[in-house]
Amino acid sequence: MNAEEKQRFAALARAVAERRDQEAFAVLFDYFAPRLKSWLLRQRMASSEAEELVQDVMIVLWHKAGLYDATRSSLSTWLFRIARNRRIDLQRRARARVLDRADPALQPVAESGADEILANDDRDAHVRAAVSQLPQEQREMLRAAFFLGQSHSQIAEATGLPLGTVKSRIRLAFGKLRKVLEAESA
């Protein structure tokens, strides 16, 4: 591209920026769209993706032509840089979407066997029995914290008890539960 063409394209870009000149935009589109697409295809981009990206670049030209500074680069350089950056963004997004099929989080949960279900039921029964042996105020604190999901501060506010008392009762409940459950498993 010679200096005269660079000046002409810069003037057309100014017309798009200042007056939303559709004829100027059409000239720029007709000149740059095929060149951008050709370059994107050489970058191993699929034809449909390249066409879509060219459309995006030309929309940027239409909406943001005022950001183009002819003293810093040619219009061609500006548009190709936008295309390059958009292509890189697409590649990053495509990589982020690729799932690792070996990821344990994506594997189905193995079904529990009968022995495991029975063991879980036994454990639950032992825990319920141990909790029932706790004093009423400690059971209430555990219920609020673990079944209702309340914070210690919320429990203190709801019961009118000092925060330290709530924490102490929960800590005492855990200590008693541990002793009862360890004694049963021994």
C-alpha atoms as a PDB file:
ATOM      1  CA  MET A   1       0.000   0.000   0.000  1.00  0.00           C
ATOM      2  CA  ASN A   2       1.499   3.318  -1.038  1.00  0.00           C
ATOM      3  CA  ALA A   3       1.361   6.648   0.840  1.00  0.00           C
ATOM      4  CA  GLU A   4      -1.478   7.941  -1.318  1.00  0.00           C
ATOM      5  CA  GLU A   5      -3.678   4.933  -0.526  1.00  0.00           C
ATOM      6  CA  LYS A   6      -2.853   5.236   3.181  1.00  0.00           C
ATOM      7  CA  GLN A   7      -3.996   8.868   3.158  1.00  0.00           C
ATOM      8  CA  ARG A   8      -7.136   7.986   1.228  1.00  0.00           C
ATOM      9  CA  PHE A   9      -8.069   5.210   3.680  1.00  0.00           C
ATOM     10  CA  ALA A  10      -7.338   7.497   6.652  1.00  0.00           C
ATOM     11  CA  ALA A  11      -9.669  10.124   5.136  1.00  0.00           C
ATOM     12  CA  LEU A  12     -12.377   7.490   4.611  1.00  0.00           C
ATOM     13  CA  ALA A  13     -11.990   6.343   8.224  1.00  0.00           C
ATOM     14  CA  ARG A  14     -12.357   9.964   9.384  1.00  0.00           C
ATOM     15  CA  ALA A  15     -15.548  10.257   7.314  1.00  0.00           C
ATOM     16  CA  VAL A  16     -16.913   7.146   9.015  1.00  0.00           C
ATOM     17  CA  ALA A  17     -15.929   8.467  12.445  1.00  0.00           C
ATOM     18  CA  GLU A  18     -17.189  12.023  11.979  1.00  0.00           C
ATOM     19  CA  ARG A  19     -20.257  11.622   9.759  1.00  0.00           C
ATOM     20  CA  ARG A  20     -21.075   7.905   9.784  1.00  0.00           C
ATOM     21  CA  ASP A  21     -20.487   8.036   6.045  1.00  0.00           C
ATOM     22  CA  GLN A  22     -21.926   4.798   4.678  1.00  0.00           C
ATOM     23  CA  GLU A  23     -20.276   5.179   1.266  1.00  0.00           C
ATOM     24  CA  ALA A  24     -16.863   5.604   2.865  1.00  0.00           C
ATOM     25  CA  PHE A  25     -17.526   2.561   5.026  1.00  0.00           C
ATOM     26  CA  ALA A  26     -18.603   0.528   1.973  1.00  0.00           C
ATOM     27  CA  VAL A  27     -15.334   1.394   0.210  1.00  0.00           C
ATOM     28  CA  LEU A  28     -13.317   0.363   3.275  1.00  0.00           C
ATOM     29  CA  PHE A  29     -15.364  -2.795   3.720  1.00  0.00           C
ATOM     30  CA  ASP A  30     -14.957  -3.818   0.076  1.00  0.00           C
ATOM     31  CA  TYR A  31     -11.214  -3.283   0.253  1.00  0.00           C
ATOM     32  CA  PHE A  32     -10.364  -4.718   3.685  1.00  0.00           C
ATOM     33  CA  ALA A  33     -12.916  -7.510   4.279  1.00  0.00           C
ATOM     34  CA  PRO A  34     -11.519  -9.907   1.643  1.00  0.00           C
ATOM     35  CA  ARG A  35      -7.942  -9.191   2.724  1.00  0.00           C
ATOM     36  CA  LEU A  36      -8.762  -9.802   6.380  1.00  0.00           C
ATOM     37  CA  LYS A  37     -10.570 -13.034   5.563  1.00  0.00           C
ATOM     38  CA  SER A  38      -7.703 -14.243   3.407  1.00  0.00           C
ATOM     39  CA  TRP A  39      -5.228 -13.510   6.196  1.00  0.00           C
ATOM     40  CA  LEU A  40      -7.409 -15.300   8.769  1.00  0.00           C
ATOM     41  CA  LEU A  41      -7.705 -18.348   6.521  1.00  0.00           C
ATOM     42  CA  ARG A  42      -3.906 -18.444   6.278  1.00  0.00           C
ATOM     43  CA  GLN A  43      -3.899 -18.460  10.085  1.00  0.00           C
ATOM     44  CA  ARG A  44      -5.764 -21.806   9.836  1.00  0.00           C
ATOM     45  CA  MET A  45      -9.125 -20.414  10.816  1.00  0.00           C
ATOM     46  CA  ALA A  46     -12.288 -22.062   9.487  1.00  0.00           C
ATOM     47  CA  SER A  47     -13.968 -20.108   6.700  1.00  0.00           C
ATOM     48  CA  SER A  48     -17.188 -19.480   8.637  1.00  0.00           C
ATOM     49  CA  GLU A  49     -15.249 -18.320  11.718  1.00  0.00           C
ATOM     50  CA  ALA A  50     -13.072 -16.087   9.558  1.00  0.00           C
ATOM     51  CA  GLU A  51     -16.129 -14.475   7.970  1.00  0.00           C
ATOM     52  CA  GLU A  52     -17.669 -13.872  11.375  1.00  0.00           C
ATOM     53  CA  LEU A  53     -14.475 -12.382  12.721  1.00  0.00           C
ATOM     54  CA  VAL A  54     -14.165 -10.094   9.683  1.00  0.00           C
ATOM     55  CA  GLN A  55     -17.707  -8.889  10.390  1.00  0.00           C
ATOM     56  CA  ASP A  56     -16.693  -8.154  13.983  1.00  0.00           C
ATOM     57  CA  VAL A  57     -13.643  -6.205  12.863  1.00  0.00           C
ATOM     58  CA  MET A  58     -15.675  -4.158  10.413  1.00  0.00           C
ATOM     59  CA  ILE A  59     -18.253  -3.429  13.113  1.00  0.00           C
ATOM     60  CA  VAL A  60     -15.412  -2.125  15.265  1.00  0.00           C
ATOM     61  CA  LEU A  61     -14.408   0.120  12.362  1.00  0.00           C
ATOM     62  CA  TRP A  62     -17.982   1.413  12.056  1.00  0.00           C
ATOM     63  CA  HIS A  63     -18.450   2.090  15.775  1.00  0.00           C
ATOM     64  CA  LYS A  64     -14.929   3.046  16.813  1.00  0.00           C
ATOM     65  CA  ALA A  65     -13.360   4.658  13.762  1.00  0.00           C
ATOM     66  CA  GLY A  66     -12.771   7.725  15.939  1.00  0.00           C
ATOM     67  CA  LEU A  67     -10.197   5.728  17.914  1.00  0.00           C
ATOM     68  CA  TYR A  68      -8.059   5.214  14.826  1.00  0.00           C
ATOM     69  CA  ASP A  69      -5.015   7.516  14.826  1.00  0.00           C
ATOM     70  CA  ALA A  70      -3.418   7.902  11.405  1.00  0.00           C
ATOM     71  CA  THR A  71      -0.238   9.311  13.006  1.00  0.00           C
ATOM     72  CA  ARG A  72       0.388   6.046  14.845  1.00  0.00           C
ATOM     73  CA  SER A  73      -0.319   3.457  12.151  1.00  0.00           C
ATOM     74  CA  SER A  74      -1.985   2.843   8.837  1.00  0.00           C
ATOM     75  CA  LEU A  75      -5.653   1.844   8.797  1.00  0.00           C
ATOM     76  CA  SER A  76      -4.568  -1.522   7.472  1.00  0.00           C
ATOM     77  CA  THR A  77      -2.301  -2.099  10.463  1.00  0.00           C
ATOM     78  CA  TRP A  78      -5.040  -1.000  12.872  1.00  0.00           C
ATOM     79  CA  LEU A  79      -7.643  -3.347  11.357  1.00  0.00           C
ATOM     80  CA  PHE A  80      -5.285  -6.323  11.143  1.00  0.00           C
ATOM     81  CA  ARG A  81      -4.249  -5.771  14.763  1.00  0.00           C
ATOM     82  CA  ILE A  82      -7.911  -5.844  15.800  1.00  0.00           C
ATOM     83  CA  ALA A  83      -8.389  -9.042  13.777  1.00  0.00           C
ATOM     84  CA  ARG A  84      -5.306 -10.611  15.349  1.00  0.00           C
ATOM     85  CA  ASN A  85      -6.446  -9.774  18.870  1.00  0.00           C
ATOM     86  CA  ARG A  86      -9.965 -11.070  18.239  1.00  0.00           C
ATOM     87  CA  ARG A  87      -8.544 -14.297  16.791  1.00  0.00           C
ATOM     88  CA  ILE A  88      -6.382 -14.784  19.885  1.00  0.00           C
ATOM     89  CA  ASP A  89      -9.409 -14.164  22.112  1.00  0.00           C
ATOM     90  CA  LEU A  90     -11.392 -16.792  20.187  1.00  0.00           C
ATOM     91  CA  GLN A  91      -8.569 -19.307  20.543  1.00  0.00           C
ATOM     92  CA  ARG A  92      -8.364 -18.696  24.291  1.00  0.00           C
ATOM     93  CA  ARG A  93     -12.102 -19.151  24.702  1.00  0.00           C
ATOM     94  CA  ALA A  94     -11.994 -22.343  22.622  1.00  0.00           C
ATOM     95  CA  ARG A  95      -9.214 -23.744  24.813  1.00  0.00           C
ATOM     96  CA  ALA A  96     -11.147 -22.886  27.954  1.00  0.00           C
ATOM     97  CA  ARG A  97     -14.160 -24.811  26.646  1.00  0.00           C
ATOM     98  CA  VAL A  98     -12.229 -28.046  26.085  1.00  0.00           C
ATOM     99  CA  LEU A  99     -13.090 -30.471  28.856  1.00  0.00           C
ATOM    100  CA  ASP A 100     -10.696 -33.071  30.146  1.00  0.00           C
ATOM    101  CA  ARG A 101     -12.724 -36.270  30.047  1.00  0.00           C
ATOM    102  CA  ALA A 102     -10.361 -37.835  32.600  1.00  0.00           C
ATOM    103  CA  ASP A 103     -11.141 -35.107  35.153  1.00  0.00           C
ATOM    104  CA  PRO A 104     -12.480 -36.909  38.248  1.00  0.00           C
ATOM    105  CA  ALA A 105     -15.061 -34.154  38.766  1.00  0.00           C
ATOM    106  CA  LEU A 106     -16.639 -35.123  35.431  1.00  0.00           C
ATOM    107  CA  GLN A 107     -16.771 -38.834  36.194  1.00  0.00           C
ATOM    108  CA  PRO A 108     -20.045 -40.351  37.386  1.00  0.00           C
ATOM    109  CA  VAL A 109     -20.175 -41.120  41.046  1.00  0.00           C
ATOM    110  CA  ALA A 110     -19.769 -44.809  41.687  1.00  0.00           C
ATOM    111  CA  GLU A 111     -22.915 -46.359  43.068  1.00  0.00           C
ATOM    112  CA  SER A 112     -22.678 -47.359  46.681  1.00  0.00           C
ATOM    113  CA  GLY A 113     -22.702 -51.044  47.406  1.00  0.00           C
ATOM    114  CA  ALA A 114     -25.097 -52.612  49.896  1.00  0.00           C
ATOM    115  CA  ASP A 115     -22.333 -52.975  52.487  1.00  0.00           C
ATOM    116  CA  GLU A 116     -21.447 -49.276  52.185  1.00  0.00           C
ATOM    117  CA  ILE A 117     -25.113 -48.244  52.483  1.00  0.00           C
ATOM    118  CA  LEU A 118     -25.491 -50.352  55.609  1.00  0.00           C
ATOM    119  CA  ALA A 119     -22.279 -48.968  57.092  1.00  0.00           C
ATOM    120  CA  ASN A 120     -23.480 -45.409  56.418  1.00  0.00           C
ATOM    121  CA  ASP A 121     -26.870 -46.160  57.978  1.00  0.00           C
ATOM    122  CA  ASP A 122     -25.150 -47.634  61.046  1.00  0.00           C
ATOM    123  CA  ARG A 123     -22.855 -44.631  61.346  1.00  0.00           C
ATOM    124  CA  ASP A 124     -25.834 -42.240  61.037  1.00  0.00           C
ATOM    125  CA  ALA A 125     -27.725 -44.148  63.718  1.00  0.00           C
ATOM    126  CA  HIS A 126     -24.690 -43.976  66.055  1.00  0.00           C
ATOM    127  CA  VAL A 127     -24.334 -40.235  65.493  1.00  0.00           C
ATOM    128  CA  ARG A 128     -28.057 -39.625  66.096  1.00  0.00           C
ATOM    129  CA  ALA A 129     -27.901 -41.674  69.296  1.00  0.00           C
ATOM    130  CA  ALA A 130     -24.822 -39.758  70.457  1.00  0.00           C
ATOM    131  CA  VAL A 131     -26.463 -36.408  69.694  1.00  0.00           C
ATOM    132  CA  SER A 132     -29.583 -37.420  71.623  1.00  0.00           C
ATOM    133  CA  GLN A 133     -27.386 -37.934  74.734  1.00  0.00           C
ATOM    134  CA  LEU A 134     -26.233 -34.302  74.653  1.00  0.00           C
ATOM    135  CA  PRO A 135     -27.844 -31.681  76.890  1.00  0.00           C
ATOM    136  CA  GLN A 136     -30.729 -29.852  75.190  1.00  0.00           C
ATOM    137  CA  GLU A 137     -28.866 -26.505  74.814  1.00  0.00           C
ATOM    138  CA  GLN A 138     -25.903 -28.201  73.089  1.00  0.00           C
ATOM    139  CA  ARG A 139     -28.234 -30.130  70.737  1.00  0.00           C
ATOM    140  CA  GLU A 140     -29.932 -26.857  69.802  1.00  0.00           C
ATOM    141  CA  MET A 141     -26.587 -25.194  69.090  1.00  0.00           C
ATOM    142  CA  LEU A 142     -25.475 -28.096  66.861  1.00  0.00           C
ATOM    143  CA  ARG A 143     -28.830 -28.128  65.054  1.00  0.00           C
ATOM    144  CA  ALA A 144     -28.642 -24.373  64.381  1.00  0.00           C
ATOM    145  CA  ALA A 145     -25.022 -24.504  63.232  1.00  0.00           C
ATOM    146  CA  PHE A 146     -25.063 -27.648  61.119  1.00  0.00           C
ATOM    147  CA  PHE A 147     -28.624 -28.283  60.042  1.00  0.00           C
ATOM    148  CA  LEU A 148     -29.818 -24.691  59.694  1.00  0.00           C
ATOM    149  CA  GLY A 149     -26.426 -23.392  58.529  1.00  0.00           C
ATOM    150  CA  GLN A 150     -26.342 -20.467  60.954  1.00  0.00           C
ATOM    151  CA  SER A 151     -23.097 -18.802  61.953  1.00  0.00           C
ATOM    152  CA  HIS A 152     -22.105 -18.591  65.597  1.00  0.00           C
ATOM    153  CA  SER A 153     -23.008 -14.889  65.572  1.00  0.00           C
ATOM    154  CA  GLN A 154     -26.453 -15.625  64.160  1.00  0.00           C
ATOM    155  CA  ILE A 155     -27.049 -18.277  66.817  1.00  0.00           C
ATOM    156  CA  ALA A 156     -25.975 -15.857  69.547  1.00  0.00           C
ATOM    157  CA  GLU A 157     -28.327 -13.203  68.198  1.00  0.00           C
ATOM    158  CA  ALA A 158     -31.258 -15.634  67.864  1.00  0.00           C
ATOM    159  CA  THR A 159     -30.827 -17.109  71.351  1.00  0.00           C
ATOM    160  CA  GLY A 160     -29.759 -13.946  73.150  1.00  0.00           C
ATOM    161  CA  LEU A 161     -26.676 -15.741  74.462  1.00  0.00           C
ATOM    162  CA  PRO A 162     -23.179 -14.266  74.368  1.00  0.00           C
ATOM    163  CA  LEU A 163     -21.076 -15.382  71.392  1.00  0.00           C
ATOM    164  CA  GLY A 164     -18.530 -17.025  73.683  1.00  0.00           C
ATOM    165  CA  THR A 165     -21.262 -19.148  75.288  1.00  0.00           C
ATOM    166  CA  VAL A 166     -22.474 -20.331  71.892  1.00  0.00           C
ATOM    167  CA  LYS A 167     -18.951 -21.291  70.848  1.00  0.00           C
ATOM    168  CA  SER A 168     -18.319 -23.045  74.178  1.00  0.00           C
ATOM    169  CA  ARG A 169     -21.522 -25.090  73.960  1.00  0.00           C
ATOM    170  CA  ILE A 170     -20.709 -26.199  70.407  1.00  0.00           C
ATOM    171  CA  ARG A 171     -17.155 -27.082  71.395  1.00  0.00           C
ATOM    172  CA  LEU A 172     -18.404 -29.023  74.442  1.00  0.00           C
ATOM    173  CA  ALA A 173     -20.942 -30.845  72.252  1.00  0.00           C
ATOM    174  CA  PHE A 174     -18.199 -31.927  69.860  1.00  0.00           C
ATOM    175  CA  GLY A 175     -16.032 -33.123  72.724  1.00  0.00           C
ATOM    176  CA  LYS A 176     -18.876 -35.236  74.136  1.00  0.00           C
ATOM    177  CA  LEU A 177     -19.787 -36.589  70.706  1.00  0.00           C
ATOM    178  CA  ARG A 178     -16.179 -37.599  70.058  1.00  0.00           C
ATOM    179  CA  LYS A 179     -15.973 -39.471  73.387  1.00  0.00           C
ATOM    180  CA  VAL A 180     -19.295 -41.285  72.833  1.00  0.00           C
ATOM    181  CA  LEU A 181     -18.473 -42.268  69.235  1.00  0.00           C
ATOM    182  CA  GLU A 182     -14.922 -43.358  70.058  1.00  0.00           C
ATOM    183  CA  ALA A 183     -16.231 -45.514  72.932  1.00  0.00           C
ATOM    184  CA  GLU A 184     -18.787 -47.172  70.625  1.00  0.00           C
ATOM    185  CA  SER A 185     -16.247 -47.886  67.874  1.00  0.00           C
ATOM    186  CA  ALA A 186     -13.721 -49.391  70.291  1.00  0.00           C
END
